[in-house]
Amino acid sequence: MLLNAVRKIGIAVGTIASASILLASPASAAQQCGDLRGPEGGTLPLCKSWVWDGNDYDGRWWTNGPSSLPSHTYLQRREDGVVKNSSYSGSYSDVGKISFRLCDSVTGRCSGWW
């Protein structure tokens, strides 16, 4: 009977320790790539990655191949609702949601958010 109680305690302690290790481990990074279509034609292969840091996301974005966009097309990003003109690669931190789109400086048109 004492041996059974010791085994049960050992299993419970091992389970709690395993759960603590899982909770303390940083989340693994996720990644998504896609071809963004420009509002006036062409495409931009873009990737974004993110990792949950406990209360929001940190990550980066980059091009993943050659672009066929017209020269007057530019990238914008939206971080938690705030729109910014963007370089074609970079990083971010402490963001709840990030999206990207392409805009044309001649026509003023933009693609949908990705």
PDB file of N, CA and C in Angstrom:
ATOM      1  N   MET A   1       0.819  -1.181   0.000  1.00  0.00           N
ATOM      2  CA  MET A   1       0.000   0.000   0.000  1.00  0.00           C
ATOM      3  C   MET A   1       0.867   1.250   0.000  1.00  0.00           C
ATOM      4  N   LEU A   2       1.904   1.267   0.821  1.00  0.00           N
ATOM      5  CA  LEU A   2       2.816   2.406   0.856  1.00  0.00           C
ATOM      6  C   LEU A   2       3.513   2.559  -0.489  1.00  0.00           C
ATOM      7  N   LEU A   3       3.890   1.437  -1.104  1.00  0.00           N
ATOM      8  CA  LEU A   3       4.544   1.474  -2.408  1.00  0.00           C
ATOM      9  C   LEU A   3       3.618   2.078  -3.466  1.00  0.00           C
ATOM     10  N   ASN A   4       2.335   1.726  -3.452  1.00  0.00           N
ATOM     11  CA  ASN A   4       1.370   2.307  -4.390  1.00  0.00           C
ATOM     12  C   ASN A   4       1.246   3.812  -4.197  1.00  0.00           C
ATOM     13  N   ALA A   5       1.212   4.267  -2.962  1.00  0.00           N
ATOM     14  CA  ALA A   5       1.105   5.700  -2.676  1.00  0.00           C
ATOM     15  C   ALA A   5       2.335   6.436  -3.191  1.00  0.00           C
ATOM     16  N   VAL A   6       3.515   5.865  -3.004  1.00  0.00           N
ATOM     17  CA  VAL A   6       4.758   6.474  -3.480  1.00  0.00           C
ATOM     18  C   VAL A   6       4.742   6.547  -5.008  1.00  0.00           C
ATOM     19  N   ARG A   7       4.291   5.497  -5.683  1.00  0.00           N
ATOM     20  CA  ARG A   7       4.210   5.504  -7.148  1.00  0.00           C
ATOM     21  C   ARG A   7       3.267   6.596  -7.636  1.00  0.00           C
ATOM     22  N   LYS A   8       2.083   6.708  -6.982  1.00  0.00           N
ATOM     23  CA  LYS A   8       1.107   7.724  -7.388  1.00  0.00           C
ATOM     24  C   LYS A   8       1.672   9.127  -7.199  1.00  0.00           C
ATOM     25  N   ILE A   9       2.366   9.360  -6.114  1.00  0.00           N
ATOM     26  CA  ILE A   9       2.986  10.663  -5.876  1.00  0.00           C
ATOM     27  C   ILE A   9       4.056  10.925  -6.933  1.00  0.00           C
ATOM     28  N   GLY A  10       4.856   9.920  -7.243  1.00  0.00           N
ATOM     29  CA  GLY A  10       5.902  10.072  -8.266  1.00  0.00           C
ATOM     30  C   GLY A  10       5.314  10.396  -9.628  1.00  0.00           C
ATOM     31  N   ILE A  11       4.222   9.750  -9.983  1.00  0.00           N
ATOM     32  CA  ILE A  11       3.563  10.015 -11.268  1.00  0.00           C
ATOM     33  C   ILE A  11       2.998  11.430 -11.272  1.00  0.00           C
ATOM     34  N   ALA A  12       2.377  11.826 -10.181  1.00  0.00           N
ATOM     35  CA  ALA A  12       1.802  13.170 -10.108  1.00  0.00           C
ATOM     36  C   ALA A  12       2.890  14.234 -10.208  1.00  0.00           C
ATOM     37  N   VAL A  13       4.005  14.055  -9.499  1.00  0.00           N
ATOM     38  CA  VAL A  13       5.111  15.016  -9.548  1.00  0.00           C
ATOM     39  C   VAL A  13       5.703  15.064 -10.954  1.00  0.00           C
ATOM     40  N   GLY A  14       5.863  13.915 -11.584  1.00  0.00           N
ATOM     41  CA  GLY A  14       6.394  13.877 -12.949  1.00  0.00           C
ATOM     42  C   GLY A  14       5.474  14.582 -13.931  1.00  0.00           C
ATOM     43  N   THR A  15       4.183  14.392 -13.776  1.00  0.00           N
ATOM     44  CA  THR A  15       3.212  15.042 -14.655  1.00  0.00           C
ATOM     45  C   THR A  15       3.237  16.554 -14.459  1.00  0.00           C
ATOM     46  N   ILE A  16       3.276  16.996 -13.234  1.00  0.00           N
ATOM     47  CA  ILE A  16       3.327  18.436 -12.942  1.00  0.00           C
ATOM     48  C   ILE A  16       4.619  19.039 -13.481  1.00  0.00           C
ATOM     49  N   ALA A  17       5.734  18.356 -13.300  1.00  0.00           N
ATOM     50  CA  ALA A  17       7.015  18.853 -13.802  1.00  0.00           C
ATOM     51  C   ALA A  17       6.992  18.950 -15.323  1.00  0.00           C
ATOM     52  N   SER A  18       6.429  17.954 -15.994  1.00  0.00           N
ATOM     53  CA  SER A  18       6.340  17.987 -17.457  1.00  0.00           C
ATOM     54  C   SER A  18       5.479  19.151 -17.921  1.00  0.00           C
ATOM     55  N   ALA A  19       4.364  19.375 -17.253  1.00  0.00           N
ATOM     56  CA  ALA A  19       3.489  20.486 -17.635  1.00  0.00           C
ATOM     57  C   ALA A  19       4.194  21.819 -17.421  1.00  0.00           C
ATOM     58  N   SER A  20       4.953  21.955 -16.355  1.00  0.00           N
ATOM     59  CA  SER A  20       5.688  23.191 -16.094  1.00  0.00           C
ATOM     60  C   SER A  20       6.722  23.448 -17.175  1.00  0.00           C
ATOM     61  N   ILE A  21       7.393  22.410 -17.624  1.00  0.00           N
ATOM     62  CA  ILE A  21       8.384  22.568 -18.684  1.00  0.00           C
ATOM     63  C   ILE A  21       7.702  23.017 -19.964  1.00  0.00           C
ATOM     64  N   LEU A  22       6.544  22.435 -20.302  1.00  0.00           N
ATOM     65  CA  LEU A  22       5.818  22.836 -21.503  1.00  0.00           C
ATOM     66  C   LEU A  22       5.377  24.292 -21.416  1.00  0.00           C
ATOM     67  N   LEU A  23       4.894  24.710 -20.258  1.00  0.00           N
ATOM     68  CA  LEU A  23       4.445  26.087 -20.106  1.00  0.00           C
ATOM     69  C   LEU A  23       5.607  27.066 -20.161  1.00  0.00           C
ATOM     70  N   ALA A  24       6.782  26.669 -19.721  1.00  0.00           N
ATOM     71  CA  ALA A  24       7.931  27.558 -19.700  1.00  0.00           C
ATOM     72  C   ALA A  24       8.636  27.619 -21.047  1.00  0.00           C
ATOM     73  N   SER A  25       8.411  26.648 -21.928  1.00  0.00           N
ATOM     74  CA  SER A  25       9.083  26.623 -23.218  1.00  0.00           C
ATOM     75  C   SER A  25       8.509  27.688 -24.137  1.00  0.00           C
ATOM     76  N   PRO A  26       9.370  28.387 -24.885  1.00  0.00           N
ATOM     77  CA  PRO A  26       8.840  29.371 -25.830  1.00  0.00           C
ATOM     78  C   PRO A  26       8.103  28.665 -26.960  1.00  0.00           C
ATOM     79  N   ALA A  27       7.096  29.313 -27.481  1.00  0.00           N
ATOM     80  CA  ALA A  27       6.335  28.745 -28.590  1.00  0.00           C
ATOM     81  C   ALA A  27       7.207  28.689 -29.833  1.00  0.00           C
ATOM     82  N   SER A  28       6.964  27.718 -30.661  1.00  0.00           N
ATOM     83  CA  SER A  28       7.735  27.620 -31.896  1.00  0.00           C
ATOM     84  C   SER A  28       7.200  28.630 -32.903  1.00  0.00           C
ATOM     85  N   ALA A  29       8.077  29.079 -33.769  1.00  0.00           N
ATOM     86  CA  ALA A  29       7.704  30.070 -34.765  1.00  0.00           C
ATOM     87  C   ALA A  29       6.839  29.439 -35.856  1.00  0.00           C
ATOM     88  N   ALA A  30       5.894  30.207 -36.335  1.00  0.00           N
ATOM     89  CA  ALA A  30       5.062  29.797 -37.461  1.00  0.00           C
ATOM     90  C   ALA A  30       5.456  30.652 -38.656  1.00  0.00           C
ATOM     91  N   GLN A  31       5.197  30.141 -39.850  1.00  0.00           N
ATOM     92  CA  GLN A  31       5.575  30.860 -41.059  1.00  0.00           C
ATOM     93  C   GLN A  31       4.501  30.668 -42.119  1.00  0.00           C
ATOM     94  N   GLN A  32       4.270  31.706 -42.910  1.00  0.00           N
ATOM     95  CA  GLN A  32       3.306  31.653 -44.006  1.00  0.00           C
ATOM     96  C   GLN A  32       3.889  32.419 -45.183  1.00  0.00           C
ATOM     97  N   CYS A  33       3.788  31.852 -46.371  1.00  0.00           N
ATOM     98  CA  CYS A  33       4.263  32.507 -47.594  1.00  0.00           C
ATOM     99  C   CYS A  33       3.124  32.568 -48.601  1.00  0.00           C
ATOM    100  N   GLY A  34       3.147  33.594 -49.422  1.00  0.00           N
ATOM    101  CA  GLY A  34       2.125  33.725 -50.453  1.00  0.00           C
ATOM    102  C   GLY A  34       2.570  34.689 -51.529  1.00  0.00           C
ATOM    103  N   ASP A  35       1.876  34.672 -52.646  1.00  0.00           N
ATOM    104  CA  ASP A  35       2.128  35.607 -53.738  1.00  0.00           C
ATOM    105  C   ASP A  35       1.112  36.732 -53.650  1.00  0.00           C
ATOM    106  N   LEU A  36       1.568  37.916 -53.288  1.00  0.00           N
ATOM    107  CA  LEU A  36       0.685  39.071 -53.236  1.00  0.00           C
ATOM    108  C   LEU A  36       0.559  39.645 -54.642  1.00  0.00           C
ATOM    109  N   ARG A  37      -0.652  39.916 -55.066  1.00  0.00           N
ATOM    110  CA  ARG A  37      -0.903  40.490 -56.391  1.00  0.00           C
ATOM    111  C   ARG A  37      -1.013  42.000 -56.269  1.00  0.00           C
ATOM    112  N   GLY A  38      -0.288  42.679 -57.132  1.00  0.00           N
ATOM    113  CA  GLY A  38      -0.351  44.132 -57.158  1.00  0.00           C
ATOM    114  C   GLY A  38      -1.669  44.617 -57.736  1.00  0.00           C
ATOM    115  N   PRO A  39      -2.138  45.785 -57.338  1.00  0.00           N
ATOM    116  CA  PRO A  39      -3.413  46.295 -57.842  1.00  0.00           C
ATOM    117  C   PRO A  39      -3.375  46.616 -59.341  1.00  0.00           C
ATOM    118  N   GLU A  40      -2.194  46.817 -59.890  1.00  0.00           N
ATOM    119  CA  GLU A  40      -2.052  47.100 -61.321  1.00  0.00           C
ATOM    120  C   GLU A  40      -1.240  46.014 -62.024  1.00  0.00           C
ATOM    121  N   GLY A  41      -1.249  44.805 -61.459  1.00  0.00           N
ATOM    122  CA  GLY A  41      -0.565  43.673 -62.063  1.00  0.00           C
ATOM    123  C   GLY A  41       0.731  43.321 -61.352  1.00  0.00           C
ATOM    124  N   GLY A  42       1.234  42.152 -61.687  1.00  0.00           N
ATOM    125  CA  GLY A  42       2.467  41.660 -61.094  1.00  0.00           C
ATOM    126  C   GLY A  42       2.232  40.989 -59.754  1.00  0.00           C
ATOM    127  N   THR A  43       3.248  40.290 -59.285  1.00  0.00           N
ATOM    128  CA  THR A  43       3.170  39.602 -58.000  1.00  0.00           C
ATOM    129  C   THR A  43       4.434  39.826 -57.187  1.00  0.00           C
ATOM    130  N   LEU A  44       4.284  39.665 -55.897  1.00  0.00           N
ATOM    131  CA  LEU A  44       5.396  39.728 -54.957  1.00  0.00           C
ATOM    132  C   LEU A  44       5.318  38.500 -54.062  1.00  0.00           C
ATOM    133  N   PRO A  45       6.313  37.594 -54.150  1.00  0.00           N
ATOM    134  CA  PRO A  45       6.322  36.458 -53.215  1.00  0.00           C
ATOM    135  C   PRO A  45       6.804  36.956 -51.841  1.00  0.00           C
ATOM    136  N   LEU A  46       5.945  36.867 -50.845  1.00  0.00           N
ATOM    137  CA  LEU A  46       6.258  37.402 -49.518  1.00  0.00           C
ATOM    138  C   LEU A  46       6.017  36.326 -48.465  1.00  0.00           C
ATOM    139  N   CYS A  47       6.890  36.282 -47.490  1.00  0.00           N
ATOM    140  CA  CYS A  47       6.734  35.379 -46.343  1.00  0.00           C
ATOM    141  C   CYS A  47       6.669  36.205 -45.069  1.00  0.00           C
ATOM    142  N   LYS A  48       5.946  35.674 -44.092  1.00  0.00           N
ATOM    143  CA  LYS A  48       5.925  36.285 -42.768  1.00  0.00           C
ATOM    144  C   LYS A  48       6.025  35.173 -41.731  1.00  0.00           C
ATOM    145  N   SER A  49       6.697  35.475 -40.652  1.00  0.00           N
ATOM    146  CA  SER A  49       6.798  34.512 -39.556  1.00  0.00           C
ATOM    147  C   SER A  49       6.419  35.219 -38.262  1.00  0.00           C
ATOM    148  N   TRP A  50       6.016  34.437 -37.278  1.00  0.00           N
ATOM    149  CA  TRP A  50       5.642  35.006 -36.000  1.00  0.00           C
ATOM    150  C   TRP A  50       5.832  33.975 -34.910  1.00  0.00           C
ATOM    151  N   VAL A  51       6.037  34.484 -33.718  1.00  0.00           N
ATOM    152  CA  VAL A  51       6.119  33.635 -32.532  1.00  0.00           C
ATOM    153  C   VAL A  51       5.371  34.341 -31.402  1.00  0.00           C
ATOM    154  N   TRP A  52       4.576  33.607 -30.694  1.00  0.00           N
ATOM    155  CA  TRP A  52       3.825  34.129 -29.546  1.00  0.00           C
ATOM    156  C   TRP A  52       4.787  34.256 -28.387  1.00  0.00           C
ATOM    157  N   ASP A  53       4.872  35.443 -27.796  1.00  0.00           N
ATOM    158  CA  ASP A  53       5.805  35.641 -26.687  1.00  0.00           C
ATOM    159  C   ASP A  53       5.112  35.715 -25.329  1.00  0.00           C
ATOM    160  N   GLY A  54       3.850  35.325 -25.296  1.00  0.00           N
ATOM    161  CA  GLY A  54       3.127  35.297 -24.032  1.00  0.00           C
ATOM    162  C   GLY A  54       1.960  36.267 -23.988  1.00  0.00           C
ATOM    163  N   ASN A  55       2.072  37.389 -24.705  1.00  0.00           N
ATOM    164  CA  ASN A  55       0.954  38.338 -24.738  1.00  0.00           C
ATOM    165  C   ASN A  55       0.743  38.973 -26.112  1.00  0.00           C
ATOM    166  N   ASP A  56       1.678  38.781 -27.036  1.00  0.00           N
ATOM    167  CA  ASP A  56       1.539  39.281 -28.403  1.00  0.00           C
ATOM    168  C   ASP A  56       2.578  38.578 -29.274  1.00  0.00           C
ATOM    169  N   TYR A  57       2.778  39.053 -30.497  1.00  0.00           N
ATOM    170  CA  TYR A  57       3.648  38.360 -31.438  1.00  0.00           C
ATOM    171  C   TYR A  57       4.895  39.171 -31.785  1.00  0.00           C
ATOM    172  N   ASP A  58       5.964  38.457 -32.027  1.00  0.00           N
ATOM    173  CA  ASP A  58       7.197  38.998 -32.591  1.00  0.00           C
ATOM    174  C   ASP A  58       7.452  38.218 -33.871  1.00  0.00           C
ATOM    175  N   GLY A  59       8.015  38.864 -34.881  1.00  0.00           N
ATOM    176  CA  GLY A  59       8.265  38.144 -36.121  1.00  0.00           C
ATOM    177  C   GLY A  59       9.002  38.973 -37.143  1.00  0.00           C
ATOM    178  N   ARG A  60       8.964  38.482 -38.377  1.00  0.00           N
ATOM    179  CA  ARG A  60       9.625  39.179 -39.474  1.00  0.00           C
ATOM    180  C   ARG A  60       8.917  38.865 -40.778  1.00  0.00           C
ATOM    181  N   TRP A  61       9.275  39.606 -41.832  1.00  0.00           N
ATOM    182  CA  TRP A  61       8.761  39.358 -43.181  1.00  0.00           C
ATOM    183  C   TRP A  61       9.892  39.562 -44.171  1.00  0.00           C
ATOM    184  N   TRP A  62       9.778  38.907 -45.332  1.00  0.00           N
ATOM    185  CA  TRP A  62      10.821  38.969 -46.347  1.00  0.00           C
ATOM    186  C   TRP A  62      10.260  38.505 -47.679  1.00  0.00           C
ATOM    187  N   THR A  63      10.921  38.928 -48.762  1.00  0.00           N
ATOM    188  CA  THR A  63      10.528  38.442 -50.080  1.00  0.00           C
ATOM    189  C   THR A  63      11.113  37.057 -50.267  1.00  0.00           C
ATOM    190  N   ASN A  64      10.410  36.264 -51.057  1.00  0.00           N
ATOM    191  CA  ASN A  64      10.801  34.866 -51.232  1.00  0.00           C
ATOM    192  C   ASN A  64      10.970  34.560 -52.720  1.00  0.00           C
ATOM    193  N   GLY A  65      11.666  35.433 -53.424  1.00  0.00           N
ATOM    194  CA  GLY A  65      11.877  35.253 -54.849  1.00  0.00           C
ATOM    195  C   GLY A  65      11.719  36.568 -55.578  1.00  0.00           C
ATOM    196  N   PRO A  66      11.862  36.539 -56.880  1.00  0.00           N
ATOM    197  CA  PRO A  66      11.793  37.782 -57.666  1.00  0.00           C
ATOM    198  C   PRO A  66      10.365  38.318 -57.768  1.00  0.00           C
ATOM    199  N   SER A  67      10.268  39.632 -57.836  1.00  0.00           N
ATOM    200  CA  SER A  67       8.995  40.314 -57.979  1.00  0.00           C
ATOM    201  C   SER A  67       8.763  40.660 -59.447  1.00  0.00           C
ATOM    202  N   SER A  68       7.502  40.676 -59.852  1.00  0.00           N
ATOM    203  CA  SER A  68       7.149  41.134 -61.202  1.00  0.00           C
ATOM    204  C   SER A  68       6.260  42.378 -61.122  1.00  0.00           C
ATOM    205  N   LEU A  69       6.382  43.125 -60.030  1.00  0.00           N
ATOM    206  CA  LEU A  69       5.554  44.310 -59.816  1.00  0.00           C
ATOM    207  C   LEU A  69       6.035  45.482 -60.659  1.00  0.00           C
ATOM    208  N   PRO A  70       5.117  46.351 -61.089  1.00  0.00           N
ATOM    209  CA  PRO A  70       5.536  47.604 -61.718  1.00  0.00           C
ATOM    210  C   PRO A  70       6.341  48.439 -60.712  1.00  0.00           C
ATOM    211  N   SER A  71       7.210  49.281 -61.203  1.00  0.00           N
ATOM    212  CA  SER A  71       8.113  50.038 -60.322  1.00  0.00           C
ATOM    213  C   SER A  71       7.375  51.007 -59.395  1.00  0.00           C
ATOM    214  N   HIS A  72       6.140  51.376 -59.703  1.00  0.00           N
ATOM    215  CA  HIS A  72       5.397  52.323 -58.875  1.00  0.00           C
ATOM    216  C   HIS A  72       4.522  51.628 -57.829  1.00  0.00           C
ATOM    217  N   THR A  73       4.785  50.342 -57.587  1.00  0.00           N
ATOM    218  CA  THR A  73       4.051  49.586 -56.565  1.00  0.00           C
ATOM    219  C   THR A  73       4.878  49.544 -55.288  1.00  0.00           C
ATOM    220  N   TYR A  74       4.228  49.708 -54.161  1.00  0.00           N
ATOM    221  CA  TYR A  74       4.932  49.683 -52.877  1.00  0.00           C
ATOM    222  C   TYR A  74       4.145  48.839 -51.874  1.00  0.00           C
ATOM    223  N   LEU A  75       4.845  48.423 -50.827  1.00  0.00           N
ATOM    224  CA  LEU A  75       4.280  47.550 -49.798  1.00  0.00           C
ATOM    225  C   LEU A  75       3.839  48.378 -48.600  1.00  0.00           C
ATOM    226  N   GLN A  76       2.694  48.026 -48.042  1.00  0.00           N
ATOM    227  CA  GLN A  76       2.247  48.588 -46.774  1.00  0.00           C
ATOM    228  C   GLN A  76       2.024  47.455 -45.791  1.00  0.00           C
ATOM    229  N   ARG A  77       2.186  47.766 -44.517  1.00  0.00           N
ATOM    230  CA  ARG A  77       1.845  46.801 -43.470  1.00  0.00           C
ATOM    231  C   ARG A  77       0.920  47.480 -42.473  1.00  0.00           C
ATOM    232  N   ARG A  78       0.100  46.668 -41.851  1.00  0.00           N
ATOM    233  CA  ARG A  78      -0.830  47.151 -40.836  1.00  0.00           C
ATOM    234  C   ARG A  78      -0.537  46.387 -39.553  1.00  0.00           C
ATOM    235  N   GLU A  79      -0.087  47.121 -38.540  1.00  0.00           N
ATOM    236  CA  GLU A  79       0.209  46.535 -37.228  1.00  0.00           C
ATOM    237  C   GLU A  79      -0.852  47.023 -36.247  1.00  0.00           C
ATOM    238  N   ASP A  80      -1.679  46.116 -35.790  1.00  0.00           N
ATOM    239  CA  ASP A  80      -2.749  46.458 -34.838  1.00  0.00           C
ATOM    240  C   ASP A  80      -3.564  47.655 -35.313  1.00  0.00           C
ATOM    241  N   GLY A  81      -3.881  47.687 -36.617  1.00  0.00           N
ATOM    242  CA  GLY A  81      -4.727  48.732 -37.171  1.00  0.00           C
ATOM    243  C   GLY A  81      -3.996  49.963 -37.686  1.00  0.00           C
ATOM    244  N   VAL A  82      -2.716  50.107 -37.377  1.00  0.00           N
ATOM    245  CA  VAL A  82      -1.935  51.264 -37.822  1.00  0.00           C
ATOM    246  C   VAL A  82      -1.236  50.909 -39.130  1.00  0.00           C
ATOM    247  N   VAL A  83      -1.511  51.669 -40.208  1.00  0.00           N
ATOM    248  CA  VAL A  83      -0.954  51.402 -41.530  1.00  0.00           C
ATOM    249  C   VAL A  83       0.350  52.178 -41.703  1.00  0.00           C
ATOM    250  N   LYS A  84       1.379  51.467 -42.220  1.00  0.00           N
ATOM    251  CA  LYS A  84       2.701  52.061 -42.435  1.00  0.00           C
ATOM    252  C   LYS A  84       3.217  51.635 -43.797  1.00  0.00           C
ATOM    253  N   ASN A  85       3.854  52.568 -44.518  1.00  0.00           N
ATOM    254  CA  ASN A  85       4.587  52.158 -45.705  1.00  0.00           C
ATOM    255  C   ASN A  85       5.761  51.319 -45.241  1.00  0.00           C
ATOM    256  N   SER A  86       6.124  50.313 -46.025  1.00  0.00           N
ATOM    257  CA  SER A  86       7.036  49.298 -45.525  1.00  0.00           C
ATOM    258  C   SER A  86       8.140  48.964 -46.512  1.00  0.00           C
ATOM    259  N   SER A  87       9.279  48.573 -45.986  1.00  0.00           N
ATOM    260  CA  SER A  87      10.318  47.983 -46.825  1.00  0.00           C
ATOM    261  C   SER A  87       9.896  46.551 -47.152  1.00  0.00           C
ATOM    262  N   TYR A  88      10.612  45.904 -48.053  1.00  0.00           N
ATOM    263  CA  TYR A  88      10.236  44.552 -48.476  1.00  0.00           C
ATOM    264  C   TYR A  88      10.764  43.463 -47.548  1.00  0.00           C
ATOM    265  N   SER A  89      11.425  43.855 -46.483  1.00  0.00           N
ATOM    266  CA  SER A  89      11.816  42.910 -45.439  1.00  0.00           C
ATOM    267  C   SER A  89      11.978  43.691 -44.141  1.00  0.00           C
ATOM    268  N   GLY A  90      11.784  43.008 -43.044  1.00  0.00           N
ATOM    269  CA  GLY A  90      11.926  43.669 -41.752  1.00  0.00           C
ATOM    270  C   GLY A  90      11.442  42.779 -40.630  1.00  0.00           C
ATOM    271  N   SER A  91      11.320  43.378 -39.468  1.00  0.00           N
ATOM    272  CA  SER A  91      10.869  42.624 -38.297  1.00  0.00           C
ATOM    273  C   SER A  91       9.917  43.489 -37.484  1.00  0.00           C
ATOM    274  N   TYR A  92       9.203  42.846 -36.597  1.00  0.00           N
ATOM    275  CA  TYR A  92       8.267  43.543 -35.727  1.00  0.00           C
ATOM    276  C   TYR A  92       8.262  42.865 -34.367  1.00  0.00           C
ATOM    277  N   SER A  93       7.811  43.590 -33.365  1.00  0.00           N
ATOM    278  CA  SER A  93       7.676  42.996 -32.035  1.00  0.00           C
ATOM    279  C   SER A  93       6.490  43.638 -31.325  1.00  0.00           C
ATOM    280  N   ASP A  94       5.933  42.897 -30.400  1.00  0.00           N
ATOM    281  CA  ASP A  94       4.806  43.362 -29.586  1.00  0.00           C
ATOM    282  C   ASP A  94       3.606  43.767 -30.433  1.00  0.00           C
ATOM    283  N   VAL A  95       3.222  42.904 -31.375  1.00  0.00           N
ATOM    284  CA  VAL A  95       2.105  43.170 -32.276  1.00  0.00           C
ATOM    285  C   VAL A  95       1.041  42.098 -32.088  1.00  0.00           C
ATOM    286  N   GLY A  96      -0.210  42.497 -32.001  1.00  0.00           N
ATOM    287  CA  GLY A  96      -1.312  41.552 -31.892  1.00  0.00           C
ATOM    288  C   GLY A  96      -1.712  40.972 -33.236  1.00  0.00           C
ATOM    289  N   LYS A  97      -1.689  41.808 -34.300  1.00  0.00           N
ATOM    290  CA  LYS A  97      -2.042  41.342 -35.635  1.00  0.00           C
ATOM    291  C   LYS A  97      -1.279  42.163 -36.668  1.00  0.00           C
ATOM    292  N   ILE A  98      -0.717  41.474 -37.665  1.00  0.00           N
ATOM    293  CA  ILE A  98       0.006  42.151 -38.743  1.00  0.00           C
ATOM    294  C   ILE A  98      -0.517  41.658 -40.087  1.00  0.00           C
ATOM    295  N   SER A  99      -0.665  42.579 -41.039  1.00  0.00           N
ATOM    296  CA  SER A  99      -1.134  42.264 -42.385  1.00  0.00           C
ATOM    297  C   SER A  99      -0.333  43.088 -43.388  1.00  0.00           C
ATOM    298  N   PHE A 100      -0.333  42.638 -44.644  1.00  0.00           N
ATOM    299  CA  PHE A 100       0.399  43.324 -45.710  1.00  0.00           C
ATOM    300  C   PHE A 100      -0.500  43.504 -46.920  1.00  0.00           C
ATOM    301  N   ARG A 101      -0.216  44.557 -47.709  1.00  0.00           N
ATOM    302  CA  ARG A 101      -0.885  44.769 -48.984  1.00  0.00           C
ATOM    303  C   ARG A 101       0.038  45.561 -49.899  1.00  0.00           C
ATOM    304  N   LEU A 102      -0.294  45.539 -51.172  1.00  0.00           N
ATOM    305  CA  LEU A 102       0.457  46.295 -52.172  1.00  0.00           C
ATOM    306  C   LEU A 102      -0.397  47.460 -52.656  1.00  0.00           C
ATOM    307  N   CYS A 103       0.246  48.603 -52.873  1.00  0.00           N
ATOM    308  CA  CYS A 103      -0.440  49.792 -53.367  1.00  0.00           C
ATOM    309  C   CYS A 103       0.303  50.345 -54.575  1.00  0.00           C
ATOM    310  N   ASP A 104      -0.424  51.073 -55.407  1.00  0.00           N
ATOM    311  CA  ASP A 104       0.131  51.669 -56.614  1.00  0.00           C
ATOM    312  C   ASP A 104       0.143  53.189 -56.447  1.00  0.00           C
ATOM    313  N   SER A 105       1.307  53.803 -56.589  1.00  0.00           N
ATOM    314  CA  SER A 105       1.427  55.250 -56.366  1.00  0.00           C
ATOM    315  C   SER A 105       0.839  56.075 -57.513  1.00  0.00           C
ATOM    316  N   VAL A 106       0.638  55.483 -58.683  1.00  0.00           N
ATOM    317  CA  VAL A 106       0.072  56.211 -59.818  1.00  0.00           C
ATOM    318  C   VAL A 106      -1.454  56.254 -59.727  1.00  0.00           C
ATOM    319  N   THR A 107      -2.075  55.114 -59.497  1.00  0.00           N
ATOM    320  CA  THR A 107      -3.541  55.045 -59.470  1.00  0.00           C
ATOM    321  C   THR A 107      -4.124  55.239 -58.072  1.00  0.00           C
ATOM    322  N   GLY A 108      -3.296  55.050 -57.028  1.00  0.00           N
ATOM    323  CA  GLY A 108      -3.782  55.165 -55.654  1.00  0.00           C
ATOM    324  C   GLY A 108      -4.552  53.945 -55.180  1.00  0.00           C
ATOM    325  N   ARG A 109      -4.604  52.906 -55.996  1.00  0.00           N
ATOM    326  CA  ARG A 109      -5.320  51.682 -55.635  1.00  0.00           C
ATOM    327  C   ARG A 109      -4.422  50.769 -54.791  1.00  0.00           C
ATOM    328  N   CYS A 110      -5.070  49.973 -53.948  1.00  0.00           N
ATOM    329  CA  CYS A 110      -4.350  48.993 -53.120  1.00  0.00           C
ATOM    330  C   CYS A 110      -5.037  47.638 -53.237  1.00  0.00           C
ATOM    331  N   SER A 111      -4.279  46.588 -53.037  1.00  0.00           N
ATOM    332  CA  SER A 111      -4.816  45.237 -53.006  1.00  0.00           C
ATOM    333  C   SER A 111      -5.443  44.980 -51.629  1.00  0.00           C
ATOM    334  N   GLY A 112      -6.056  43.829 -51.473  1.00  0.00           N
ATOM    335  CA  GLY A 112      -6.597  43.446 -50.181  1.00  0.00           C
ATOM    336  C   GLY A 112      -5.493  43.074 -49.200  1.00  0.00           C
ATOM    337  N   TRP A 113      -5.812  43.085 -47.925  1.00  0.00           N
ATOM    338  CA  TRP A 113      -4.838  42.747 -46.871  1.00  0.00           C
ATOM    339  C   TRP A 113      -4.593  41.255 -46.826  1.00  0.00           C
ATOM    340  N   TRP A 114      -3.344  40.907 -46.612  1.00  0.00           N
ATOM    341  CA  TRP A 114      -2.936  39.514 -46.449  1.00  0.00           C
ATOM    342  C   TRP A 114      -2.192  39.373 -45.143  1.00  0.00           C
TER     343      TRP A 114
END
